All heavy atoms as atom14 arrays in JSON, in Angstrom:
{
  "sequence": "NSNFSVAVSGGSDSLALVYFSKCYSILNNVKINYYHIDHKLRNESS",
  "atom14_mask": [
    [1, 1, 1, 1, 1, 1, 1, 1, 0, 0, 0, 0, 0, 0],
    [1, 1, 1, 1, 1, 1, 0, 0, 0, 0, 0, 0, 0, 0],
    [1, 1, 1, 1, 1, 1, 1, 1, 0, 0, 0, 0, 0, 0],
    [1, 1, 1, 1, 1, 1, 1, 1, 1, 1, 1, 0, 0, 0],
    [1, 1, 1, 1, 1, 1, 0, 0, 0, 0, 0, 0, 0, 0],
    [1, 1, 1, 1, 1, 1, 1, 0, 0, 0, 0, 0, 0, 0],
    [1, 1, 1, 1, 1, 0, 0, 0, 0, 0, 0, 0, 0, 0],
    [1, 1, 1, 1, 1, 1, 1, 0, 0, 0, 0, 0, 0, 0],
    [1, 1, 1, 1, 1, 1, 0, 0, 0, 0, 0, 0, 0, 0],
    [1, 1, 1, 1, 0, 0, 0, 0, 0, 0, 0, 0, 0, 0],
    [1, 1, 1, 1, 0, 0, 0, 0, 0, 0, 0, 0, 0, 0],
    [1, 1, 1, 1, 1, 1, 0, 0, 0, 0, 0, 0, 0, 0],
    [1, 1, 1, 1, 1, 1, 1, 1, 0, 0, 0, 0, 0, 0],
    [1, 1, 1, 1, 1, 1, 0, 0, 0, 0, 0, 0, 0, 0],
    [1, 1, 1, 1, 1, 1, 1, 1, 0, 0, 0, 0, 0, 0],
    [1, 1, 1, 1, 1, 0, 0, 0, 0, 0, 0, 0, 0, 0],
    [1, 1, 1, 1, 1, 1, 1, 1, 0, 0, 0, 0, 0, 0],
    [1, 1, 1, 1, 1, 1, 1, 0, 0, 0, 0, 0, 0, 0],
    [1, 1, 1, 1, 1, 1, 1, 1, 1, 1, 1, 1, 0, 0],
    [1, 1, 1, 1, 1, 1, 1, 1, 1, 1, 1, 0, 0, 0],
    [1, 1, 1, 1, 1, 1, 0, 0, 0, 0, 0, 0, 0, 0],
    [1, 1, 1, 1, 1, 1, 1, 1, 1, 0, 0, 0, 0, 0],
    [1, 1, 1, 1, 1, 1, 0, 0, 0, 0, 0, 0, 0, 0],
    [1, 1, 1, 1, 1, 1, 1, 1, 1, 1, 1, 1, 0, 0],
    [1, 1, 1, 1, 1, 1, 0, 0, 0, 0, 0, 0, 0, 0],
    [1, 1, 1, 1, 1, 1, 1, 1, 0, 0, 0, 0, 0, 0],
    [1, 1, 1, 1, 1, 1, 1, 1, 0, 0, 0, 0, 0, 0],
    [1, 1, 1, 1, 1, 1, 1, 1, 0, 0, 0, 0, 0, 0],
    [1, 1, 1, 1, 1, 1, 1, 1, 0, 0, 0, 0, 0, 0],
    [1, 1, 1, 1, 1, 1, 1, 0, 0, 0, 0, 0, 0, 0],
    [1, 1, 1, 1, 1, 1, 1, 1, 1, 0, 0, 0, 0, 0],
    [1, 1, 1, 1, 1, 1, 1, 1, 0, 0, 0, 0, 0, 0],
    [1, 1, 1, 1, 1, 1, 1, 1, 0, 0, 0, 0, 0, 0],
    [1, 1, 1, 1, 1, 1, 1, 1, 1, 1, 1, 1, 0, 0],
    [1, 1, 1, 1, 1, 1, 1, 1, 1, 1, 1, 1, 0, 0],
    [1, 1, 1, 1, 1, 1, 1, 1, 1, 1, 0, 0, 0, 0],
    [1, 1, 1, 1, 1, 1, 1, 1, 0, 0, 0, 0, 0, 0],
    [1, 1, 1, 1, 1, 1, 1, 1, 0, 0, 0, 0, 0, 0],
    [1, 1, 1, 1, 1, 1, 1, 1, 1, 1, 0, 0, 0, 0],
    [1, 1, 1, 1, 1, 1, 1, 1, 1, 0, 0, 0, 0, 0],
    [1, 1, 1, 1, 1, 1, 1, 1, 0, 0, 0, 0, 0, 0],
    [1, 1, 1, 1, 1, 1, 1, 1, 1, 1, 1, 0, 0, 0],
    [1, 1, 1, 1, 1, 1, 1, 1, 0, 0, 0, 0, 0, 0],
    [1, 1, 1, 1, 1, 1, 1, 1, 1, 0, 0, 0, 0, 0],
    [1, 1, 1, 1, 1, 1, 0, 0, 0, 0, 0, 0, 0, 0],
    [1, 1, 1, 1, 1, 1, 0, 0, 0, 0, 0, 0, 0, 0]
  ],
  "atom14_positions": [
    [[75.21, 110.34, 115.44], [76.06, 110.09, 116.62], [75.83, 108.75, 117.31], [76.21, 108.56, 118.46], [75.91, 111.21, 117.65], [76.81, 112.41, 117.31], [77.46, 112.43, 116.26], [76.84, 113.39, 118.17], [0.0, 0.0, 0.0], [0.0, 0.0, 0.0], [0.0, 0.0, 0.0], [0.0, 0.0, 0.0], [0.0, 0.0, 0.0], [0.0, 0.0, 0.0]],
    [[75.2, 107.79, 116.59], [75.06, 106.44, 117.14], [76.39, 105.71, 117.03], [77.2, 105.97, 116.15], [74.0, 105.66, 116.36], [72.76, 106.29, 116.43], [0.0, 0.0, 0.0], [0.0, 0.0, 0.0], [0.0, 0.0, 0.0], [0.0, 0.0, 0.0], [0.0, 0.0, 0.0], [0.0, 0.0, 0.0], [0.0, 0.0, 0.0], [0.0, 0.0, 0.0]],
    [[76.61, 104.75, 117.93], [77.79, 103.9, 117.83], [77.66, 103.0, 116.61], [76.56, 102.62, 116.22], [77.95, 103.04, 119.09], [78.2, 103.88, 120.32], [78.61, 105.04, 120.22], [77.95, 103.32, 121.48], [0.0, 0.0, 0.0], [0.0, 0.0, 0.0], [0.0, 0.0, 0.0], [0.0, 0.0, 0.0], [0.0, 0.0, 0.0], [0.0, 0.0, 0.0]],
    [[78.79, 102.65, 116.01], [78.74, 101.77, 114.84], [80.0, 100.93, 114.75], [80.96, 101.14, 115.5], [78.51, 102.56, 113.55], [79.53, 103.63, 113.27], [80.72, 103.35, 112.61], [79.27, 104.96, 113.64], [81.64, 104.35, 112.34], [80.19, 105.96, 113.38], [81.38, 105.66, 112.71], [0.0, 0.0, 0.0], [0.0, 0.0, 0.0], [0.0, 0.0, 0.0]],
    [[79.99, 99.96, 113.86], [81.16, 99.11, 113.65], [81.66, 99.3, 112.22], [80.92, 99.73, 111.33], [80.82, 97.64, 113.9], [79.77, 97.23, 113.05], [0.0, 0.0, 0.0], [0.0, 0.0, 0.0], [0.0, 0.0, 0.0], [0.0, 0.0, 0.0], [0.0, 0.0, 0.0], [0.0, 0.0, 0.0], [0.0, 0.0, 0.0], [0.0, 0.0, 0.0]],
    [[82.94, 98.96, 112.01], [83.58, 99.13, 110.7], [84.19, 97.8, 110.27], [84.93, 97.17, 111.03], [84.68, 100.21, 110.75], [85.39, 100.33, 109.4], [84.09, 101.56, 111.16], [0.0, 0.0, 0.0], [0.0, 0.0, 0.0], [0.0, 0.0, 0.0], [0.0, 0.0, 0.0], [0.0, 0.0, 0.0], [0.0, 0.0, 0.0], [0.0, 0.0, 0.0]],
    [[83.86, 97.37, 109.05], [84.46, 96.16, 108.49], [85.81, 96.54, 107.87], [85.88, 97.44, 107.04], [83.54, 95.56, 107.42], [0.0, 0.0, 0.0], [0.0, 0.0, 0.0], [0.0, 0.0, 0.0], [0.0, 0.0, 0.0], [0.0, 0.0, 0.0], [0.0, 0.0, 0.0], [0.0, 0.0, 0.0], [0.0, 0.0, 0.0], [0.0, 0.0, 0.0]],
    [[86.86, 95.84, 108.28], [88.22, 96.19, 107.85], [88.85, 95.02, 107.11], [89.11, 93.96, 107.7], [89.11, 96.55, 109.07], [90.45, 97.09, 108.6], [88.41, 97.52, 110.0], [0.0, 0.0, 0.0], [0.0, 0.0, 0.0], [0.0, 0.0, 0.0], [0.0, 0.0, 0.0], [0.0, 0.0, 0.0], [0.0, 0.0, 0.0], [0.0, 0.0, 0.0]],
    [[89.11, 95.19, 105.83], [89.78, 94.12, 105.08], [91.3, 94.28, 105.15], [92.04, 93.31, 105.06], [89.33, 94.15, 103.62], [89.85, 95.31, 102.96], [0.0, 0.0, 0.0], [0.0, 0.0, 0.0], [0.0, 0.0, 0.0], [0.0, 0.0, 0.0], [0.0, 0.0, 0.0], [0.0, 0.0, 0.0], [0.0, 0.0, 0.0], [0.0, 0.0, 0.0]],
    [[91.76, 95.52, 105.29], [93.19, 95.8, 105.29], [93.67, 96.38, 103.98], [94.81, 96.83, 103.86], [0.0, 0.0, 0.0], [0.0, 0.0, 0.0], [0.0, 0.0, 0.0], [0.0, 0.0, 0.0], [0.0, 0.0, 0.0], [0.0, 0.0, 0.0], [0.0, 0.0, 0.0], [0.0, 0.0, 0.0], [0.0, 0.0, 0.0], [0.0, 0.0, 0.0]],
    [[92.79, 96.39, 102.97], [93.12, 97.01, 101.68], [93.06, 98.53, 101.78], [92.63, 99.08, 102.81], [0.0, 0.0, 0.0], [0.0, 0.0, 0.0], [0.0, 0.0, 0.0], [0.0, 0.0, 0.0], [0.0, 0.0, 0.0], [0.0, 0.0, 0.0], [0.0, 0.0, 0.0], [0.0, 0.0, 0.0], [0.0, 0.0, 0.0], [0.0, 0.0, 0.0]],
    [[93.45, 99.21, 100.72], [93.52, 100.67, 100.75], [92.15, 101.31, 100.99], [92.04, 102.31, 101.71], [94.13, 101.2, 99.45], [93.37, 100.77, 98.33], [0.0, 0.0, 0.0], [0.0, 0.0, 0.0], [0.0, 0.0, 0.0], [0.0, 0.0, 0.0], [0.0, 0.0, 0.0], [0.0, 0.0, 0.0], [0.0, 0.0, 0.0], [0.0, 0.0, 0.0]],
    [[91.09, 100.74, 100.42], [89.75, 101.31, 100.58], [89.31, 101.25, 102.04], [88.83, 102.24, 102.61], [88.7, 100.54, 99.75], [89.2, 100.08, 98.41], [90.25, 100.57, 97.97], [88.54, 99.23, 97.8], [0.0, 0.0, 0.0], [0.0, 0.0, 0.0], [0.0, 0.0, 0.0], [0.0, 0.0, 0.0], [0.0, 0.0, 0.0], [0.0, 0.0, 0.0]],
    [[89.49, 100.06, 102.64], [89.0, 99.89, 104.01], [89.85, 100.67, 105.02], [89.34, 101.14, 106.02], [88.94, 98.41, 104.39], [90.18, 97.9, 104.77], [0.0, 0.0, 0.0], [0.0, 0.0, 0.0], [0.0, 0.0, 0.0], [0.0, 0.0, 0.0], [0.0, 0.0, 0.0], [0.0, 0.0, 0.0], [0.0, 0.0, 0.0], [0.0, 0.0, 0.0]],
    [[91.16, 100.82, 104.74], [91.99, 101.61, 105.65], [91.62, 103.09, 105.59], [91.68, 103.79, 106.6], [93.47, 101.41, 105.34], [94.09, 100.09, 105.81], [95.59, 100.06, 105.54], [93.82, 99.84, 107.29], [0.0, 0.0, 0.0], [0.0, 0.0, 0.0], [0.0, 0.0, 0.0], [0.0, 0.0, 0.0], [0.0, 0.0, 0.0], [0.0, 0.0, 0.0]],
    [[91.25, 103.55, 104.41], [90.75, 104.93, 104.3], [89.46, 105.08, 105.11], [89.26, 106.08, 105.81], [90.5, 105.29, 102.84], [0.0, 0.0, 0.0], [0.0, 0.0, 0.0], [0.0, 0.0, 0.0], [0.0, 0.0, 0.0], [0.0, 0.0, 0.0], [0.0, 0.0, 0.0], [0.0, 0.0, 0.0], [0.0, 0.0, 0.0], [0.0, 0.0, 0.0]],
    [[88.59, 104.07, 105.04], [87.37, 104.07, 105.83], [87.68, 104.07, 107.33], [87.05, 104.79, 108.11], [86.53, 102.84, 105.48], [85.21, 102.66, 106.25], [84.22, 103.76, 105.87], [84.61, 101.28, 105.98], [0.0, 0.0, 0.0], [0.0, 0.0, 0.0], [0.0, 0.0, 0.0], [0.0, 0.0, 0.0], [0.0, 0.0, 0.0], [0.0, 0.0, 0.0]],
    [[88.66, 103.28, 107.73], [89.09, 103.24, 109.13], [89.56, 104.62, 109.58], [89.21, 105.1, 110.66], [90.23, 102.21, 109.32], [90.91, 102.37, 110.68], [89.7, 100.79, 109.18], [0.0, 0.0, 0.0], [0.0, 0.0, 0.0], [0.0, 0.0, 0.0], [0.0, 0.0, 0.0], [0.0, 0.0, 0.0], [0.0, 0.0, 0.0], [0.0, 0.0, 0.0]],
    [[90.36, 105.27, 108.73], [90.9, 106.59, 109.07], [89.78, 107.61, 109.28], [89.73, 108.31, 110.31], [91.85, 107.09, 107.99], [92.21, 108.54, 108.16], [92.98, 108.97, 109.25], [91.74, 109.52, 107.27], [93.27, 110.3, 109.45], [92.03, 110.85, 107.45], [92.8, 111.24, 108.54], [93.08, 112.57, 108.74], [0.0, 0.0, 0.0], [0.0, 0.0, 0.0]],
    [[88.86, 107.7, 108.31], [87.78, 108.68, 108.42], [86.86, 108.36, 109.61], [86.37, 109.27, 110.29], [86.98, 108.74, 107.12], [87.75, 109.32, 105.97], [87.91, 108.61, 104.78], [88.33, 110.57, 106.07], [88.63, 109.15, 103.72], [89.05, 111.12, 105.02], [89.2, 110.4, 103.84], [0.0, 0.0, 0.0], [0.0, 0.0, 0.0], [0.0, 0.0, 0.0]],
    [[86.65, 107.07, 109.88], [85.83, 106.67, 111.03], [86.5, 107.07, 112.34], [85.83, 107.55, 113.27], [85.6, 105.15, 111.01], [84.94, 104.76, 109.84], [0.0, 0.0, 0.0], [0.0, 0.0, 0.0], [0.0, 0.0, 0.0], [0.0, 0.0, 0.0], [0.0, 0.0, 0.0], [0.0, 0.0, 0.0], [0.0, 0.0, 0.0], [0.0, 0.0, 0.0]],
    [[87.81, 106.88, 112.41], [88.55, 107.23, 113.62], [88.5, 108.73, 113.86], [88.29, 109.2, 115.0], [89.99, 106.75, 113.51], [90.85, 107.03, 114.76], [90.35, 106.28, 115.97], [91.21, 106.53, 117.2], [90.68, 105.87, 118.4], [0.0, 0.0, 0.0], [0.0, 0.0, 0.0], [0.0, 0.0, 0.0], [0.0, 0.0, 0.0], [0.0, 0.0, 0.0]],
    [[88.67, 109.51, 112.8], [88.58, 110.98, 112.93], [87.19, 111.37, 113.42], [87.05, 112.24, 114.29], [88.85, 111.64, 111.58], [90.57, 111.54, 111.05], [0.0, 0.0, 0.0], [0.0, 0.0, 0.0], [0.0, 0.0, 0.0], [0.0, 0.0, 0.0], [0.0, 0.0, 0.0], [0.0, 0.0, 0.0], [0.0, 0.0, 0.0], [0.0, 0.0, 0.0]],
    [[86.16, 110.73, 112.87], [84.79, 111.02, 113.28], [84.58, 110.7, 114.75], [83.95, 111.47, 115.49], [83.82, 110.21, 112.42], [82.36, 110.47, 112.71], [81.68, 111.51, 112.07], [81.67, 109.7, 113.63], [80.35, 111.77, 112.35], [80.33, 109.94, 113.91], [79.67, 110.97, 113.27], [78.36, 111.22, 113.55], [0.0, 0.0, 0.0], [0.0, 0.0, 0.0]],
    [[85.13, 109.57, 115.21], [84.96, 109.17, 116.62], [85.68, 110.14, 117.56], [85.18, 110.45, 118.64], [85.47, 107.74, 116.83], [86.88, 107.69, 116.8], [0.0, 0.0, 0.0], [0.0, 0.0, 0.0], [0.0, 0.0, 0.0], [0.0, 0.0, 0.0], [0.0, 0.0, 0.0], [0.0, 0.0, 0.0], [0.0, 0.0, 0.0], [0.0, 0.0, 0.0]],
    [[86.85, 110.64, 117.14], [87.61, 111.59, 117.96], [86.85, 112.91, 118.08], [86.7, 113.48, 119.17], [89.01, 111.84, 117.37], [89.86, 110.57, 117.41], [89.73, 112.96, 118.13], [91.13, 110.64, 116.57], [0.0, 0.0, 0.0], [0.0, 0.0, 0.0], [0.0, 0.0, 0.0], [0.0, 0.0, 0.0], [0.0, 0.0, 0.0], [0.0, 0.0, 0.0]],
    [[86.36, 113.39, 116.94], [85.71, 114.71, 116.89], [84.29, 114.71, 117.46], [83.78, 115.75, 117.85], [85.69, 115.23, 115.45], [87.07, 115.51, 114.84], [86.94, 115.78, 113.34], [87.75, 116.69, 115.53], [0.0, 0.0, 0.0], [0.0, 0.0, 0.0], [0.0, 0.0, 0.0], [0.0, 0.0, 0.0], [0.0, 0.0, 0.0], [0.0, 0.0, 0.0]],
    [[83.65, 113.53, 117.49], [82.25, 113.48, 117.93], [82.03, 112.59, 119.15], [80.89, 112.36, 119.54], [81.37, 112.98, 116.77], [81.37, 113.94, 115.6], [80.64, 114.91, 115.57], [82.22, 113.66, 114.62], [0.0, 0.0, 0.0], [0.0, 0.0, 0.0], [0.0, 0.0, 0.0], [0.0, 0.0, 0.0], [0.0, 0.0, 0.0], [0.0, 0.0, 0.0]],
    [[83.14, 112.1, 119.71], [83.06, 111.27, 120.92], [82.11, 110.09, 120.75], [81.22, 109.84, 121.57], [82.62, 112.13, 122.12], [82.87, 111.41, 123.44], [83.8, 110.61, 123.55], [82.05, 111.7, 124.44], [0.0, 0.0, 0.0], [0.0, 0.0, 0.0], [0.0, 0.0, 0.0], [0.0, 0.0, 0.0], [0.0, 0.0, 0.0], [0.0, 0.0, 0.0]],
    [[82.3, 109.37, 119.65], [81.47, 108.21, 119.32], [82.32, 106.95, 119.41], [83.45, 106.92, 118.93], [80.88, 108.34, 117.9], [80.19, 107.06, 117.47], [79.91, 109.52, 117.83], [0.0, 0.0, 0.0], [0.0, 0.0, 0.0], [0.0, 0.0, 0.0], [0.0, 0.0, 0.0], [0.0, 0.0, 0.0], [0.0, 0.0, 0.0], [0.0, 0.0, 0.0]],
    [[81.76, 105.9, 120.01], [82.48, 104.64, 120.14], [82.33, 103.83, 118.84], [81.23, 103.71, 118.31], [81.94, 103.81, 121.31], [82.63, 102.46, 121.48], [82.16, 101.74, 122.73], [82.65, 100.3, 122.79], [84.08, 100.14, 122.6], [0.0, 0.0, 0.0], [0.0, 0.0, 0.0], [0.0, 0.0, 0.0], [0.0, 0.0, 0.0], [0.0, 0.0, 0.0]],
    [[83.45, 103.29, 118.35], [83.44, 102.51, 117.13], [84.14, 101.17, 117.37], [85.18, 101.11, 118.0], [84.14, 103.25, 115.98], [83.43, 104.58, 115.68], [84.18, 102.4, 114.72], [84.1, 105.42, 114.63], [0.0, 0.0, 0.0], [0.0, 0.0, 0.0], [0.0, 0.0, 0.0], [0.0, 0.0, 0.0], [0.0, 0.0, 0.0], [0.0, 0.0, 0.0]],
    [[83.54, 100.09, 116.84], [84.16, 98.77, 116.88], [84.7, 98.44, 115.5], [83.99, 98.61, 114.5], [83.14, 97.71, 117.3], [82.7, 97.87, 118.74], [82.06, 98.86, 119.09], [83.03, 96.92, 119.58], [0.0, 0.0, 0.0], [0.0, 0.0, 0.0], [0.0, 0.0, 0.0], [0.0, 0.0, 0.0], [0.0, 0.0, 0.0], [0.0, 0.0, 0.0]],
    [[85.93, 97.97, 115.43], [86.56, 97.61, 114.16], [86.74, 96.1, 114.1], [87.26, 95.49, 115.04], [87.93, 98.29, 114.04], [87.86, 99.81, 114.08], [87.9, 100.49, 115.29], [87.74, 100.55, 112.91], [87.83, 101.88, 115.33], [87.67, 101.94, 112.94], [87.71, 102.6, 114.16], [87.64, 103.97, 114.2], [0.0, 0.0, 0.0], [0.0, 0.0, 0.0]],
    [[86.29, 95.5, 112.97], [86.38, 94.05, 112.82], [87.07, 93.65, 111.5], [86.75, 94.2, 110.44], [84.99, 93.43, 112.84], [84.25, 93.63, 114.14], [83.12, 94.43, 114.21], [84.7, 93.02, 115.31], [82.44, 94.62, 115.4], [84.03, 93.2, 116.51], [82.91, 94.01, 116.55], [82.24, 94.21, 117.73], [0.0, 0.0, 0.0], [0.0, 0.0, 0.0]],
    [[87.98, 92.72, 111.63], [88.65, 92.15, 110.45], [88.36, 90.65, 110.42], [88.42, 89.99, 111.45], [90.16, 92.39, 110.52], [90.93, 91.65, 109.46], [90.93, 92.03, 108.13], [91.73, 90.54, 109.53], [91.69, 91.21, 107.44], [92.18, 90.29, 108.26], [0.0, 0.0, 0.0], [0.0, 0.0, 0.0], [0.0, 0.0, 0.0], [0.0, 0.0, 0.0]],
    [[88.04, 90.11, 109.24], [87.76, 88.68, 109.1], [89.0, 87.96, 108.59], [89.51, 88.26, 107.51], [86.58, 88.42, 108.12], [85.37, 89.28, 108.48], [86.24, 86.93, 108.11], [84.75, 89.02, 109.8], [0.0, 0.0, 0.0], [0.0, 0.0, 0.0], [0.0, 0.0, 0.0], [0.0, 0.0, 0.0], [0.0, 0.0, 0.0], [0.0, 0.0, 0.0]],
    [[89.49, 87.02, 109.39], [90.57, 86.14, 108.94], [89.9, 84.93, 108.28], [89.45, 84.01, 108.95], [91.43, 85.7, 110.14], [92.55, 84.75, 109.72], [92.73, 84.54, 108.49], [93.24, 84.22, 110.61], [0.0, 0.0, 0.0], [0.0, 0.0, 0.0], [0.0, 0.0, 0.0], [0.0, 0.0, 0.0], [0.0, 0.0, 0.0], [0.0, 0.0, 0.0]],
    [[89.83, 84.96, 106.95], [89.08, 83.94, 106.21], [89.83, 82.61, 106.07], [89.25, 81.58, 105.76], [88.71, 84.45, 104.82], [89.85, 85.08, 104.09], [90.96, 84.37, 103.69], [90.06, 86.36, 103.7], [91.8, 85.17, 103.08], [91.29, 86.4, 103.07], [0.0, 0.0, 0.0], [0.0, 0.0, 0.0], [0.0, 0.0, 0.0], [0.0, 0.0, 0.0]],
    [[91.14, 82.65, 106.27], [91.99, 81.45, 106.18], [91.91, 80.76, 104.81], [92.07, 79.55, 104.69], [91.63, 80.45, 107.29], [91.88, 80.97, 108.7], [91.56, 79.93, 109.74], [91.78, 80.47, 111.14], [93.19, 80.69, 111.44], [0.0, 0.0, 0.0], [0.0, 0.0, 0.0], [0.0, 0.0, 0.0], [0.0, 0.0, 0.0], [0.0, 0.0, 0.0]],
    [[91.66, 81.57, 103.78], [91.64, 81.02, 102.42], [93.05, 80.99, 101.81], [93.31, 80.27, 100.86], [90.72, 81.87, 101.52], [89.22, 81.71, 101.79], [88.44, 82.78, 101.05], [88.73, 80.33, 101.39], [0.0, 0.0, 0.0], [0.0, 0.0, 0.0], [0.0, 0.0, 0.0], [0.0, 0.0, 0.0], [0.0, 0.0, 0.0], [0.0, 0.0, 0.0]],
    [[93.93, 81.82, 102.37], [95.33, 81.83, 101.95], [96.22, 81.55, 103.16], [95.87, 81.9, 104.28], [95.69, 83.2, 101.34], [94.99, 83.5, 100.04], [95.43, 84.82, 99.45], [94.84, 85.96, 100.14], [95.51, 86.78, 100.94], [96.81, 86.57, 101.19], [94.91, 87.79, 101.52], [0.0, 0.0, 0.0], [0.0, 0.0, 0.0], [0.0, 0.0, 0.0]],
    [[97.37, 80.94, 102.93], [98.27, 80.57, 104.02], [98.7, 81.77, 104.85], [98.92, 81.67, 106.05], [99.51, 79.85, 103.48], [99.16, 78.49, 102.88], [98.21, 77.85, 103.31], [99.92, 78.06, 101.88], [0.0, 0.0, 0.0], [0.0, 0.0, 0.0], [0.0, 0.0, 0.0], [0.0, 0.0, 0.0], [0.0, 0.0, 0.0], [0.0, 0.0, 0.0]],
    [[98.82, 82.91, 104.17], [99.34, 84.11, 104.85], [98.26, 84.96, 105.5], [98.55, 86.01, 106.09], [100.15, 84.97, 103.86], [99.38, 85.47, 102.64], [99.42, 84.51, 101.47], [99.54, 83.29, 101.69], [99.31, 84.99, 100.32], [0.0, 0.0, 0.0], [0.0, 0.0, 0.0], [0.0, 0.0, 0.0], [0.0, 0.0, 0.0], [0.0, 0.0, 0.0]],
    [[96.98, 84.54, 105.43], [95.89, 85.4, 105.92], [96.0, 85.68, 107.43], [95.73, 86.79, 107.87], [94.53, 84.79, 105.59], [94.28, 83.65, 106.4], [0.0, 0.0, 0.0], [0.0, 0.0, 0.0], [0.0, 0.0, 0.0], [0.0, 0.0, 0.0], [0.0, 0.0, 0.0], [0.0, 0.0, 0.0], [0.0, 0.0, 0.0], [0.0, 0.0, 0.0]],
    [[96.4, 84.68, 108.21], [96.49, 84.88, 109.67], [97.62, 85.83, 110.04], [97.48, 86.67, 110.93], [96.68, 83.54, 110.38], [95.51, 82.75, 110.23], [0.0, 0.0, 0.0], [0.0, 0.0, 0.0], [0.0, 0.0, 0.0], [0.0, 0.0, 0.0], [0.0, 0.0, 0.0], [0.0, 0.0, 0.0], [0.0, 0.0, 0.0], [0.0, 0.0, 0.0]]
  ]
}
């Protein structure tokens, strides 16, 4: 039940992780921080 952060790439794997983390936070009243890295390696990344 400690607070934690989630790395979010936006791909299918990380979105599934986001979903399960969000469900966990709702059911256990845990605060979660979500972070996405804009690497700017591609023109469309931003």
